[in-house]
N, C-alpha and C. Protein backbone atom coordinates (compact mmCIF):
# COMPACT_ATOMS: atom_id res chain seq x y z
N UNK A 1 10.80 10.03 8.58
CA UNK A 1 12.04 9.98 9.32
C UNK A 1 12.10 8.66 10.08
N UNK A 2 13.23 7.97 10.06
CA UNK A 2 13.32 6.68 10.74
C UNK A 2 13.11 6.80 12.25
N UNK A 3 12.52 5.78 12.80
CA UNK A 3 12.27 5.75 14.24
C UNK A 3 13.57 5.57 15.01
N UNK A 4 13.70 6.27 16.11
CA UNK A 4 14.89 6.11 16.95
C UNK A 4 14.73 4.94 17.90
N UNK A 5 13.49 4.45 18.06
CA UNK A 5 13.23 3.33 18.96
C UNK A 5 12.78 2.12 18.14
N UNK A 6 13.57 1.73 17.18
CA UNK A 6 13.22 0.61 16.30
C UNK A 6 13.33 -0.70 17.06
N UNK A 7 12.36 -1.58 16.83
CA UNK A 7 12.38 -2.90 17.45
C UNK A 7 12.73 -3.94 16.40
N UNK A 8 12.77 -5.18 16.83
CA UNK A 8 13.17 -6.28 15.95
C UNK A 8 12.27 -6.41 14.73
N UNK A 9 10.96 -6.24 14.91
CA UNK A 9 10.02 -6.46 13.83
C UNK A 9 9.82 -5.23 12.95
N UNK A 10 10.34 -4.08 13.34
CA UNK A 10 10.25 -2.89 12.49
C UNK A 10 11.17 -3.05 11.30
N UNK A 11 10.70 -2.63 10.16
CA UNK A 11 11.47 -2.79 8.94
C UNK A 11 11.70 -1.44 8.28
N UNK A 12 12.85 -1.26 7.68
CA UNK A 12 13.12 -0.01 6.98
C UNK A 12 13.15 -0.24 5.48
N UNK A 13 12.65 -1.37 5.01
CA UNK A 13 12.61 -1.66 3.58
C UNK A 13 11.59 -0.72 2.91
N UNK A 14 11.94 -0.26 1.74
CA UNK A 14 11.03 0.55 0.96
C UNK A 14 10.95 0.01 -0.45
N UNK A 15 9.88 0.32 -1.11
CA UNK A 15 9.71 -0.04 -2.50
C UNK A 15 8.88 1.03 -3.17
N UNK A 16 9.06 1.19 -4.45
CA UNK A 16 8.28 2.16 -5.20
C UNK A 16 7.70 1.47 -6.43
N UNK A 17 6.54 1.95 -6.85
CA UNK A 17 5.93 1.46 -8.07
C UNK A 17 4.98 2.54 -8.56
N UNK A 18 4.76 2.55 -9.86
CA UNK A 18 3.87 3.53 -10.45
C UNK A 18 2.43 3.19 -10.10
N UNK A 19 1.61 4.20 -9.94
CA UNK A 19 0.23 3.98 -9.53
C UNK A 19 -0.53 3.13 -10.55
N UNK A 20 -0.12 3.14 -11.80
CA UNK A 20 -0.80 2.34 -12.81
C UNK A 20 -0.56 0.84 -12.62
N UNK A 21 0.43 0.46 -11.81
CA UNK A 21 0.71 -0.96 -11.56
C UNK A 21 -0.13 -1.53 -10.42
N UNK A 22 -0.92 -0.71 -9.75
CA UNK A 22 -1.76 -1.20 -8.65
C UNK A 22 -2.96 -1.93 -9.25
N UNK A 23 -3.09 -3.20 -8.92
CA UNK A 23 -4.19 -4.01 -9.43
C UNK A 23 -5.45 -3.81 -8.59
N UNK A 24 -5.29 -3.72 -7.26
CA UNK A 24 -6.44 -3.52 -6.38
C UNK A 24 -5.97 -2.96 -5.05
N UNK A 25 -6.89 -2.35 -4.35
CA UNK A 25 -6.61 -1.79 -3.04
C UNK A 25 -7.83 -2.04 -2.17
N UNK A 26 -7.59 -2.42 -0.91
CA UNK A 26 -8.71 -2.80 -0.04
C UNK A 26 -8.41 -2.38 1.39
N UNK A 27 -9.37 -1.71 2.03
CA UNK A 27 -9.25 -1.39 3.45
C UNK A 27 -9.49 -2.65 4.26
N UNK A 28 -8.73 -2.82 5.35
CA UNK A 28 -8.87 -4.02 6.17
C UNK A 28 -9.11 -3.62 7.62
N UNK A 29 -10.34 -3.36 7.94
CA UNK A 29 -10.70 -3.04 9.32
C UNK A 29 -10.61 -1.56 9.63
N UNK A 30 -10.94 -1.21 10.88
CA UNK A 30 -10.96 0.18 11.29
C UNK A 30 -9.65 0.64 11.90
N UNK A 31 -8.72 -0.26 12.10
CA UNK A 31 -7.47 0.09 12.78
C UNK A 31 -6.49 0.85 11.89
N UNK A 32 -6.74 0.93 10.61
CA UNK A 32 -5.86 1.66 9.73
C UNK A 32 -5.05 0.80 8.78
N UNK A 33 -5.47 -0.43 8.59
CA UNK A 33 -4.75 -1.31 7.68
C UNK A 33 -5.36 -1.28 6.29
N UNK A 34 -4.52 -1.51 5.29
CA UNK A 34 -5.01 -1.68 3.93
C UNK A 34 -4.04 -2.53 3.15
N UNK A 35 -4.57 -3.19 2.12
CA UNK A 35 -3.78 -4.10 1.29
C UNK A 35 -3.80 -3.61 -0.15
N UNK A 36 -2.69 -3.81 -0.83
CA UNK A 36 -2.59 -3.49 -2.25
C UNK A 36 -2.02 -4.69 -2.99
N UNK A 37 -2.63 -5.00 -4.12
CA UNK A 37 -2.06 -5.98 -5.03
C UNK A 37 -1.43 -5.21 -6.17
N UNK A 38 -0.16 -5.48 -6.44
CA UNK A 38 0.60 -4.72 -7.43
C UNK A 38 1.14 -5.70 -8.46
N UNK A 39 1.05 -5.31 -9.74
CA UNK A 39 1.65 -6.13 -10.79
C UNK A 39 3.16 -6.06 -10.67
N UNK A 40 3.81 -7.22 -10.71
CA UNK A 40 5.27 -7.27 -10.58
C UNK A 40 5.96 -6.69 -11.80
N UNK A 41 5.76 -7.29 -12.96
CA UNK A 41 6.41 -6.82 -14.18
C UNK A 41 5.44 -7.01 -15.34
N UNK A 42 4.72 -5.96 -15.70
CA UNK A 42 3.69 -6.12 -16.74
C UNK A 42 4.26 -6.43 -18.12
N UNK A 43 5.55 -6.20 -18.33
CA UNK A 43 6.15 -6.50 -19.63
C UNK A 43 6.31 -8.01 -19.83
N UNK A 44 6.57 -8.73 -18.75
CA UNK A 44 6.82 -10.17 -18.87
C UNK A 44 5.56 -10.98 -18.57
N UNK A 45 4.95 -10.73 -17.45
CA UNK A 45 3.72 -11.42 -17.09
C UNK A 45 2.95 -10.54 -16.10
N UNK A 46 1.76 -10.92 -15.81
CA UNK A 46 0.94 -10.09 -14.93
C UNK A 46 0.75 -10.73 -13.56
N UNK A 47 1.81 -11.34 -13.02
CA UNK A 47 1.72 -11.86 -11.66
C UNK A 47 1.64 -10.69 -10.69
N UNK A 48 1.03 -10.94 -9.55
CA UNK A 48 0.82 -9.88 -8.58
C UNK A 48 1.55 -10.17 -7.28
N UNK A 49 1.90 -9.11 -6.59
CA UNK A 49 2.47 -9.21 -5.26
C UNK A 49 1.57 -8.42 -4.32
N UNK A 50 1.32 -8.97 -3.15
CA UNK A 50 0.45 -8.32 -2.18
C UNK A 50 1.29 -7.59 -1.13
N UNK A 51 0.93 -6.35 -0.88
CA UNK A 51 1.56 -5.56 0.17
C UNK A 51 0.51 -5.23 1.21
N UNK A 52 0.89 -5.33 2.47
CA UNK A 52 0.00 -4.97 3.56
C UNK A 52 0.61 -3.77 4.27
N UNK A 53 -0.19 -2.70 4.40
CA UNK A 53 0.26 -1.48 5.02
C UNK A 53 -0.58 -1.17 6.25
N UNK A 54 -0.02 -0.35 7.11
CA UNK A 54 -0.76 0.09 8.29
C UNK A 54 -0.55 1.59 8.44
N UNK A 55 -1.65 2.32 8.42
CA UNK A 55 -1.60 3.76 8.63
C UNK A 55 -1.69 4.03 10.14
N UNK A 56 -1.51 5.29 10.52
CA UNK A 56 -1.58 5.64 11.94
C UNK A 56 -2.97 5.39 12.52
N UNK A 57 -4.01 5.58 11.70
CA UNK A 57 -5.38 5.36 12.17
C UNK A 57 -6.28 5.08 10.96
N UNK A 58 -7.52 4.76 11.23
CA UNK A 58 -8.45 4.43 10.17
C UNK A 58 -8.75 5.61 9.26
N UNK A 59 -8.75 6.81 9.82
CA UNK A 59 -9.04 8.00 9.01
C UNK A 59 -7.95 8.22 7.97
N UNK A 60 -6.70 8.06 8.37
CA UNK A 60 -5.59 8.24 7.44
C UNK A 60 -5.60 7.15 6.37
N UNK A 61 -5.92 5.93 6.75
CA UNK A 61 -6.01 4.84 5.77
C UNK A 61 -7.12 5.13 4.76
N UNK A 62 -8.24 5.64 5.24
CA UNK A 62 -9.34 6.01 4.34
C UNK A 62 -8.95 7.10 3.38
N UNK A 63 -8.16 8.05 3.84
CA UNK A 63 -7.70 9.13 2.97
C UNK A 63 -6.77 8.59 1.88
N UNK A 64 -5.85 7.71 2.25
CA UNK A 64 -4.96 7.10 1.27
C UNK A 64 -5.75 6.28 0.25
N UNK A 65 -6.75 5.56 0.74
CA UNK A 65 -7.58 4.74 -0.14
C UNK A 65 -8.37 5.62 -1.10
N UNK A 66 -8.89 6.74 -0.62
CA UNK A 66 -9.65 7.64 -1.50
C UNK A 66 -8.75 8.29 -2.55
N UNK A 67 -7.48 8.57 -2.19
CA UNK A 67 -6.54 9.09 -3.18
C UNK A 67 -6.30 8.07 -4.29
N UNK A 68 -6.20 6.81 -3.91
CA UNK A 68 -6.04 5.74 -4.91
C UNK A 68 -7.26 5.69 -5.82
N UNK A 69 -8.45 5.77 -5.24
CA UNK A 69 -9.68 5.70 -6.05
C UNK A 69 -9.76 6.89 -7.00
N UNK A 70 -9.32 8.07 -6.59
CA UNK A 70 -9.35 9.24 -7.46
C UNK A 70 -8.44 9.05 -8.67
N UNK A 71 -7.30 8.44 -8.48
CA UNK A 71 -6.36 8.25 -9.59
C UNK A 71 -6.85 7.17 -10.55
N UNK A 72 -7.62 6.22 -10.07
CA UNK A 72 -8.09 5.16 -10.96
C UNK A 72 -9.35 5.57 -11.70
N UNK A 73 -10.05 6.59 -11.26
CA UNK A 73 -11.26 7.04 -11.93
C UNK A 73 -10.98 7.83 -13.20
N UNK A 74 -9.78 8.32 -13.35
CA UNK A 74 -9.47 9.18 -14.50
C UNK A 74 -9.30 8.41 -15.77
């Protein structure tokens, strides 16, 4: 649900991509940050775009990261 107290730097942009397009995922510190490299368009070329996310806390970021690892192990 969108925040009612949005500030200048808060963004409401969203993007979606299939989990198979994730090139890599990396936890960045204990504060709850993580980075994902995603293939832009695998049909044309395999250039990557980096996304930086921030979870509410490190535990939640770890859970999201472990879900990613489970999907890539199959």
